[in-house]
N, C-alpha and C. Protein backbone atom coordinates (compact mmCIF):
# COMPACT_ATOMS: atom_id res chain seq x y z
N UNK A 1 0.85 -1.18 0.00
CA UNK A 1 0.00 0.00 0.00
C UNK A 1 0.89 1.24 0.00
N UNK A 2 0.59 2.15 -0.89
CA UNK A 2 1.28 3.44 -0.94
C UNK A 2 0.47 4.40 -0.07
N UNK A 3 0.94 4.57 1.16
CA UNK A 3 0.18 5.35 2.15
C UNK A 3 -0.07 6.78 1.69
N UNK A 4 0.91 7.40 1.07
CA UNK A 4 0.74 8.78 0.61
C UNK A 4 -0.35 8.86 -0.46
N UNK A 5 -0.36 7.92 -1.39
CA UNK A 5 -1.38 7.90 -2.44
C UNK A 5 -2.77 7.71 -1.83
N UNK A 6 -2.87 6.84 -0.83
CA UNK A 6 -4.15 6.59 -0.16
C UNK A 6 -4.62 7.84 0.58
N UNK A 7 -3.71 8.47 1.31
CA UNK A 7 -4.09 9.68 2.05
C UNK A 7 -4.51 10.80 1.11
N UNK A 8 -3.84 10.94 -0.03
CA UNK A 8 -4.25 11.94 -1.02
C UNK A 8 -5.64 11.63 -1.56
N UNK A 9 -5.90 10.34 -1.79
CA UNK A 9 -7.20 9.95 -2.35
C UNK A 9 -8.35 10.28 -1.41
N UNK A 10 -8.13 10.18 -0.10
CA UNK A 10 -9.23 10.45 0.84
C UNK A 10 -9.16 11.86 1.43
N UNK A 11 -8.25 12.68 0.89
CA UNK A 11 -8.12 14.05 1.40
C UNK A 11 -9.21 14.99 0.88
N UNK A 12 -10.04 14.50 -0.01
CA UNK A 12 -11.14 15.28 -0.57
C UNK A 12 -12.43 14.81 0.11
N UNK A 13 -13.25 15.73 0.55
CA UNK A 13 -14.47 15.39 1.29
C UNK A 13 -15.41 14.49 0.49
N UNK A 14 -15.57 14.76 -0.79
CA UNK A 14 -16.47 13.95 -1.61
C UNK A 14 -15.93 12.55 -1.81
N UNK A 15 -14.63 12.42 -2.09
CA UNK A 15 -14.04 11.10 -2.26
C UNK A 15 -14.15 10.28 -0.98
N UNK A 16 -13.92 10.92 0.14
CA UNK A 16 -14.07 10.24 1.43
C UNK A 16 -15.51 9.81 1.64
N UNK A 17 -16.45 10.66 1.27
CA UNK A 17 -17.87 10.32 1.42
C UNK A 17 -18.25 9.14 0.53
N UNK A 18 -17.74 9.10 -0.70
CA UNK A 18 -18.01 7.96 -1.59
C UNK A 18 -17.53 6.68 -0.93
N UNK A 19 -16.34 6.69 -0.38
CA UNK A 19 -15.79 5.52 0.30
C UNK A 19 -16.69 5.10 1.47
N UNK A 20 -17.19 6.07 2.21
CA UNK A 20 -18.10 5.77 3.33
C UNK A 20 -19.41 5.18 2.82
N UNK A 21 -19.99 5.77 1.78
CA UNK A 21 -21.25 5.25 1.23
C UNK A 21 -21.10 3.83 0.74
N UNK A 22 -19.95 3.52 0.14
CA UNK A 22 -19.73 2.18 -0.40
C UNK A 22 -19.53 1.13 0.69
N UNK A 23 -19.41 1.56 1.93
CA UNK A 23 -19.34 0.61 3.03
C UNK A 23 -20.66 -0.15 3.14
N UNK A 24 -21.76 0.51 2.84
CA UNK A 24 -23.09 -0.11 2.88
C UNK A 24 -23.86 0.31 1.63
N UNK A 25 -23.54 -0.30 0.49
CA UNK A 25 -24.14 0.15 -0.78
C UNK A 25 -25.64 -0.03 -0.86
N UNK A 26 -26.19 -1.07 -0.23
CA UNK A 26 -27.64 -1.27 -0.32
C UNK A 26 -28.40 -0.19 0.45
N UNK A 27 -27.77 0.37 1.46
CA UNK A 27 -28.39 1.45 2.24
C UNK A 27 -28.24 2.80 1.55
N UNK A 28 -27.15 2.99 0.82
CA UNK A 28 -26.82 4.31 0.31
C UNK A 28 -27.06 4.53 -1.18
N UNK A 29 -27.36 3.47 -1.92
CA UNK A 29 -27.59 3.60 -3.36
C UNK A 29 -28.82 2.81 -3.76
N UNK A 30 -29.39 3.22 -4.89
CA UNK A 30 -30.54 2.51 -5.44
C UNK A 30 -30.12 1.09 -5.81
N UNK A 31 -31.09 0.17 -5.90
CA UNK A 31 -30.74 -1.19 -6.33
C UNK A 31 -30.07 -1.18 -7.70
N UNK A 32 -29.07 -2.01 -7.86
CA UNK A 32 -28.32 -2.06 -9.11
C UNK A 32 -29.01 -2.98 -10.11
N UNK A 33 -29.06 -2.55 -11.37
CA UNK A 33 -29.85 -3.24 -12.38
C UNK A 33 -29.24 -4.55 -12.87
N UNK A 34 -27.95 -4.68 -12.82
CA UNK A 34 -27.31 -5.92 -13.28
C UNK A 34 -27.19 -6.89 -12.11
N UNK A 35 -27.22 -8.14 -12.43
CA UNK A 35 -27.05 -9.17 -11.41
C UNK A 35 -25.58 -9.24 -11.02
N UNK A 36 -25.23 -8.56 -9.98
CA UNK A 36 -23.83 -8.52 -9.56
C UNK A 36 -23.39 -9.83 -8.93
N UNK A 37 -24.35 -10.61 -8.43
CA UNK A 37 -23.98 -11.93 -7.89
C UNK A 37 -23.57 -12.87 -9.01
N UNK A 38 -24.26 -12.78 -10.14
CA UNK A 38 -23.91 -13.60 -11.30
C UNK A 38 -22.54 -13.22 -11.83
N UNK A 39 -22.19 -11.96 -11.75
CA UNK A 39 -20.91 -11.48 -12.26
C UNK A 39 -19.83 -11.44 -11.19
N UNK A 40 -20.10 -12.04 -10.03
CA UNK A 40 -19.13 -12.14 -8.96
C UNK A 40 -18.59 -10.78 -8.53
N UNK A 41 -19.51 -9.82 -8.34
CA UNK A 41 -19.09 -8.49 -7.89
C UNK A 41 -20.14 -7.90 -6.94
N UNK A 42 -20.46 -8.66 -5.90
CA UNK A 42 -21.43 -8.20 -4.91
C UNK A 42 -20.95 -6.92 -4.25
N UNK A 43 -21.87 -6.02 -4.01
CA UNK A 43 -21.53 -4.74 -3.39
C UNK A 43 -21.10 -3.69 -4.38
N UNK A 44 -21.06 -4.04 -5.67
CA UNK A 44 -20.67 -3.08 -6.68
C UNK A 44 -21.77 -2.08 -6.98
N UNK A 45 -21.38 -0.85 -7.25
CA UNK A 45 -22.32 0.23 -7.56
C UNK A 45 -21.90 0.87 -8.87
N UNK A 46 -22.86 1.03 -9.76
CA UNK A 46 -22.61 1.63 -11.07
C UNK A 46 -22.19 3.10 -10.92
N UNK A 47 -21.31 3.53 -11.80
CA UNK A 47 -20.85 4.92 -11.79
C UNK A 47 -22.03 5.89 -11.86
N UNK A 48 -23.04 5.56 -12.66
CA UNK A 48 -24.21 6.44 -12.79
C UNK A 48 -24.92 6.63 -11.45
N UNK A 49 -25.01 5.58 -10.65
CA UNK A 49 -25.64 5.69 -9.33
C UNK A 49 -24.81 6.54 -8.39
N UNK A 50 -23.50 6.40 -8.46
CA UNK A 50 -22.61 7.21 -7.61
C UNK A 50 -22.72 8.67 -8.04
N UNK A 51 -22.72 8.92 -9.35
CA UNK A 51 -22.84 10.28 -9.87
C UNK A 51 -24.14 10.92 -9.39
N UNK A 52 -25.21 10.17 -9.46
CA UNK A 52 -26.52 10.67 -9.03
C UNK A 52 -26.49 11.07 -7.55
N UNK A 53 -25.86 10.24 -6.73
CA UNK A 53 -25.79 10.52 -5.29
C UNK A 53 -24.88 11.70 -4.97
N UNK A 54 -23.77 11.80 -5.69
CA UNK A 54 -22.79 12.86 -5.46
C UNK A 54 -23.30 14.20 -5.97
N UNK A 55 -23.94 14.18 -7.14
CA UNK A 55 -24.48 15.43 -7.70
C UNK A 55 -23.45 16.28 -8.43
N UNK A 56 -22.36 15.66 -8.87
CA UNK A 56 -21.34 16.38 -9.63
C UNK A 56 -21.32 15.85 -11.06
N UNK A 57 -20.53 16.47 -11.91
CA UNK A 57 -20.45 16.06 -13.31
C UNK A 57 -19.87 14.65 -13.44
N UNK A 58 -20.20 14.00 -14.57
CA UNK A 58 -19.69 12.66 -14.85
C UNK A 58 -18.16 12.64 -14.83
N UNK A 59 -17.54 13.65 -15.43
CA UNK A 59 -16.08 13.66 -15.50
C UNK A 59 -15.45 13.80 -14.12
N UNK A 60 -16.04 14.62 -13.26
CA UNK A 60 -15.51 14.79 -11.91
C UNK A 60 -15.65 13.50 -11.11
N UNK A 61 -16.82 12.88 -11.19
CA UNK A 61 -17.04 11.63 -10.46
C UNK A 61 -16.11 10.54 -10.97
N UNK A 62 -15.96 10.45 -12.28
CA UNK A 62 -15.05 9.45 -12.85
C UNK A 62 -13.62 9.68 -12.38
N UNK A 63 -13.21 10.94 -12.32
CA UNK A 63 -11.87 11.26 -11.83
C UNK A 63 -11.71 10.85 -10.37
N UNK A 64 -12.71 11.15 -9.56
CA UNK A 64 -12.66 10.78 -8.15
C UNK A 64 -12.57 9.27 -7.98
N UNK A 65 -13.39 8.54 -8.73
CA UNK A 65 -13.39 7.09 -8.63
C UNK A 65 -12.06 6.51 -9.11
N UNK A 66 -11.48 7.10 -10.14
CA UNK A 66 -10.17 6.65 -10.62
C UNK A 66 -9.10 6.83 -9.56
N UNK A 67 -9.11 7.96 -8.88
CA UNK A 67 -8.13 8.20 -7.81
C UNK A 67 -8.28 7.19 -6.68
N UNK A 68 -9.51 6.92 -6.29
CA UNK A 68 -9.75 5.94 -5.23
C UNK A 68 -9.35 4.53 -5.68
N UNK A 69 -9.61 4.23 -6.94
CA UNK A 69 -9.24 2.92 -7.48
C UNK A 69 -7.72 2.78 -7.57
N UNK A 70 -7.05 3.80 -8.09
CA UNK A 70 -5.59 3.76 -8.20
C UNK A 70 -4.90 3.66 -6.85
N UNK A 71 -5.53 4.19 -5.81
CA UNK A 71 -4.96 4.11 -4.47
C UNK A 71 -5.15 2.72 -3.87
N UNK A 72 -6.03 1.93 -4.47
CA UNK A 72 -6.30 0.59 -3.96
C UNK A 72 -7.51 0.50 -3.06
N UNK A 73 -8.14 1.63 -2.77
CA UNK A 73 -9.29 1.62 -1.86
C UNK A 73 -10.58 1.13 -2.51
N UNK A 74 -10.65 1.16 -3.84
CA UNK A 74 -11.81 0.65 -4.56
C UNK A 74 -11.39 -0.42 -5.54
N UNK A 75 -12.30 -1.34 -5.79
CA UNK A 75 -12.16 -2.34 -6.84
C UNK A 75 -13.14 -1.96 -7.94
N UNK A 76 -12.81 -2.26 -9.18
CA UNK A 76 -13.67 -1.92 -10.31
C UNK A 76 -13.87 -3.14 -11.18
N UNK A 77 -15.06 -3.17 -11.81
CA UNK A 77 -15.35 -4.25 -12.76
C UNK A 77 -16.27 -3.71 -13.84
N UNK A 78 -15.92 -4.00 -15.09
CA UNK A 78 -16.78 -3.66 -16.21
C UNK A 78 -17.74 -4.81 -16.44
N UNK A 79 -19.02 -4.48 -16.49
CA UNK A 79 -20.07 -5.46 -16.77
C UNK A 79 -20.89 -4.87 -17.91
N UNK A 80 -20.73 -5.46 -19.08
CA UNK A 80 -21.36 -4.88 -20.26
C UNK A 80 -20.73 -3.52 -20.53
N UNK A 81 -21.56 -2.52 -20.72
CA UNK A 81 -21.05 -1.18 -20.99
C UNK A 81 -20.89 -0.34 -19.73
N UNK A 82 -21.18 -0.92 -18.57
CA UNK A 82 -21.13 -0.18 -17.31
C UNK A 82 -19.93 -0.57 -16.47
N UNK A 83 -19.48 0.38 -15.68
CA UNK A 83 -18.40 0.13 -14.72
C UNK A 83 -18.98 0.22 -13.32
N UNK A 84 -18.64 -0.77 -12.52
CA UNK A 84 -19.10 -0.84 -11.14
C UNK A 84 -17.89 -0.73 -10.22
N UNK A 85 -18.11 -0.09 -9.07
CA UNK A 85 -17.06 0.05 -8.07
C UNK A 85 -17.57 -0.47 -6.74
N UNK A 86 -16.66 -1.01 -5.95
CA UNK A 86 -16.96 -1.39 -4.57
C UNK A 86 -15.71 -1.16 -3.73
N UNK A 87 -15.94 -1.07 -2.42
CA UNK A 87 -14.83 -0.88 -1.49
C UNK A 87 -13.93 -2.09 -1.49
N UNK A 88 -12.65 -1.84 -1.39
CA UNK A 88 -11.69 -2.90 -1.17
C UNK A 88 -11.46 -2.95 0.34
N UNK A 89 -12.26 -3.77 1.01
CA UNK A 89 -12.25 -3.78 2.46
C UNK A 89 -10.88 -4.15 3.02
N UNK A 90 -10.17 -5.02 2.34
CA UNK A 90 -8.83 -5.41 2.79
C UNK A 90 -7.90 -4.19 2.82
N UNK A 91 -7.97 -3.35 1.79
CA UNK A 91 -7.14 -2.15 1.74
C UNK A 91 -7.53 -1.16 2.83
N UNK A 92 -8.83 -1.03 3.08
CA UNK A 92 -9.31 -0.13 4.13
C UNK A 92 -8.79 -0.60 5.50
N UNK A 93 -8.82 -1.90 5.71
CA UNK A 93 -8.32 -2.45 6.98
C UNK A 93 -6.80 -2.26 7.11
N UNK A 94 -6.07 -2.40 6.01
CA UNK A 94 -4.63 -2.15 6.04
C UNK A 94 -4.34 -0.69 6.40
N UNK A 95 -5.14 0.22 5.83
CA UNK A 95 -4.99 1.64 6.15
C UNK A 95 -5.25 1.88 7.63
N UNK A 96 -6.31 1.28 8.15
CA UNK A 96 -6.63 1.44 9.57
C UNK A 96 -5.50 0.91 10.45
N UNK A 97 -4.95 -0.24 10.09
CA UNK A 97 -3.83 -0.80 10.85
C UNK A 97 -2.61 0.11 10.77
N UNK A 98 -2.35 0.63 9.59
CA UNK A 98 -1.19 1.54 9.42
C UNK A 98 -1.36 2.77 10.30
N UNK A 99 -2.56 3.35 10.29
CA UNK A 99 -2.82 4.53 11.12
C UNK A 99 -2.68 4.20 12.60
N UNK A 100 -3.17 3.03 12.98
CA UNK A 100 -3.16 2.64 14.39
C UNK A 100 -1.77 2.29 14.89
N UNK A 101 -1.00 1.58 14.08
CA UNK A 101 0.26 1.02 14.60
C UNK A 101 1.52 1.76 14.12
N UNK A 102 1.48 2.32 12.91
CA UNK A 102 2.70 2.86 12.34
C UNK A 102 2.80 4.38 12.33
N UNK A 103 1.70 5.04 12.46
CA UNK A 103 1.72 6.50 12.34
C UNK A 103 1.98 7.14 13.68
């Protein structure tokens, strides 16, 4: 884990909020139209749903999601023409351990 990259990714209020919302996607987003269980990506949320919740432009949301993905905090999967994102819980736990023990 590149700690600096992760900290930069969550240094923006909206990006941090997206990460928090993805902790419980069924509570925070509308039901997803594709069968994510069939595609082995449970907990995934379509970019359009995230954009709708955030209320920013498509390009801004895509940029935010890319930063979170590049930092390792999100996982992404293309299903058909749509891209879905979900939290990488293992990476979040590594960050928490790093903050707790190493910082």
